[in-house]
Protein backbone atom coordinates (compact mmCIF):
# COMPACT_ATOMS: atom_id res chain seq x y z
CA MET A 1 -30.49 40.32 61.28
CA PRO A 2 -27.05 40.63 59.65
CA LYS A 3 -26.76 40.55 55.91
CA SER A 4 -24.99 37.62 54.36
CA SER A 5 -21.59 38.40 53.00
CA LYS A 6 -21.76 35.64 50.38
CA LYS A 7 -21.84 36.79 46.81
CA VAL A 8 -24.15 35.04 44.39
CA VAL A 9 -22.11 33.80 41.49
CA PRO A 10 -24.13 33.05 38.35
CA GLN A 11 -23.68 29.51 37.09
CA GLU A 12 -22.49 28.93 33.57
CA LYS A 13 -25.14 27.77 31.16
CA GLN A 14 -24.57 24.17 30.26
CA LYS A 15 -24.70 23.39 26.58
CA VAL A 16 -27.00 20.60 25.51
CA PRO A 17 -24.99 17.95 23.65
CA ILE A 18 -25.66 17.77 19.91
CA TRP A 19 -26.51 14.07 20.11
CA LEU A 20 -29.32 14.88 22.56
CA TRP A 21 -30.85 17.31 20.02
CA GLY A 22 -30.62 14.52 17.44
CA ILE A 23 -32.50 12.10 19.69
CA ILE A 24 -35.16 14.72 20.39
CA ALA A 25 -35.59 15.42 16.66
CA VAL A 26 -35.86 11.72 15.77
CA GLY A 27 -38.39 11.22 18.55
CA ALA A 28 -40.50 14.12 17.31
CA VAL A 29 -40.46 12.75 13.75
CA LEU A 30 -41.51 9.30 14.97
CA ILE A 31 -44.38 10.77 16.98
CA VAL A 32 -45.65 12.77 13.98
CA MET A 33 -45.41 9.70 11.73
CA ALA A 34 -47.36 7.61 14.27
CA LEU A 35 -50.10 10.24 14.50
CA ILE A 36 -50.43 10.48 10.72
CA SER A 37 -50.47 6.71 10.34
CA SER A 38 -53.12 6.21 13.01
CA SER A 39 -55.38 8.91 11.56
CA GLN A 40 -55.18 7.38 8.07
CA ALA A 41 -55.79 3.86 9.39
CA ALA A 42 -58.80 5.00 11.38
CA SER A 43 -60.40 6.70 8.39
CA THR A 44 -60.02 3.75 6.00
CA THR A 45 -60.95 0.80 8.23
CA ALA A 46 -64.53 1.51 9.24
CA PRO A 47 -67.10 1.00 6.44
CA GLN A 48 -69.73 3.74 6.14
CA VAL A 49 -72.34 1.45 4.58
CA SER A 50 -73.08 -2.15 5.50
CA GLY A 51 -74.34 -4.94 3.25
CA LYS A 52 -73.15 -3.57 -0.09
CA PRO A 53 -70.24 -1.92 -1.85
CA VAL A 54 -70.34 1.86 -2.27
CA LEU A 55 -68.02 3.80 -4.55
CA GLN A 56 -66.95 7.19 -3.19
CA VAL A 57 -65.11 9.70 -5.41
CA ASP A 58 -63.07 12.51 -3.87
CA LYS A 59 -64.19 15.01 -6.59
CA GLU A 60 -67.39 15.04 -8.57
CA LYS A 61 -66.58 17.94 -10.91
CA VAL A 62 -63.35 19.44 -12.21
CA ASP A 63 -63.13 22.83 -13.92
CA LEU A 64 -59.91 23.08 -15.93
CA GLY A 65 -60.78 26.51 -17.28
CA ASP A 66 -59.83 27.43 -20.85
CA VAL A 67 -57.35 24.93 -22.26
CA PRO A 68 -55.65 25.81 -25.56
CA LEU A 69 -56.06 23.29 -28.36
CA GLY A 70 -53.23 20.77 -28.30
CA GLN A 71 -52.32 21.31 -24.64
CA THR A 72 -52.49 18.18 -22.49
CA VAL A 73 -54.16 18.37 -19.10
CA SER A 74 -54.61 15.68 -16.51
CA VAL A 75 -56.77 15.15 -13.45
CA SER A 76 -56.59 12.41 -10.86
CA PHE A 77 -59.42 11.03 -8.77
CA GLU A 78 -59.26 8.93 -5.64
CA LEU A 79 -61.85 6.16 -5.57
CA THR A 80 -62.72 4.50 -2.27
CA ASN A 81 -65.03 1.62 -1.43
CA THR A 82 -66.86 2.86 1.67
CA GLY A 83 -69.06 -0.23 1.91
CA ASP A 84 -68.26 -3.52 3.60
CA GLN A 85 -68.61 -5.71 0.49
CA PRO A 86 -66.10 -6.05 -2.39
CA LEU A 87 -66.52 -3.52 -5.18
CA GLN A 88 -66.45 -4.98 -8.70
CA LEU A 89 -66.53 -2.86 -11.83
CA THR A 90 -68.43 -4.66 -14.60
CA LYS A 91 -67.69 -2.09 -17.32
CA LYS A 92 -64.68 0.04 -18.17
CA PRO A 93 -64.86 3.45 -16.53
CA TYR A 94 -65.62 6.32 -18.89
CA ILE A 95 -65.46 10.08 -18.80
CA GLU A 96 -68.53 12.19 -19.48
CA VAL A 97 -67.97 15.65 -20.90
CA ALA A 98 -70.70 18.11 -19.94
CA ALA A 99 -72.47 20.16 -22.62
CA GLY A 100 -70.76 23.41 -23.54
CA CYS A 101 -67.27 22.11 -23.10
């Protein structure tokens, strides 16, 4: 069988247009935002307890370590009603400081 006399010429790499990269980036951002939104919606819609309100706190204890006198510190808590009934606070919330603090 005779060898082919044709030479293989490599093709030039085609550059991807910049606008196509922009569309791909925007699409990726939209997909990530949709995934985050759906995971947050799924976690907050289904009540964990039925027939009554239930208060869930994201942290039960906070250790701020040694705080010098006069220095201001702050802590935030996320409160969630995991029941299927409305949660009503009848008294103002208060902070309890443990002994030895």
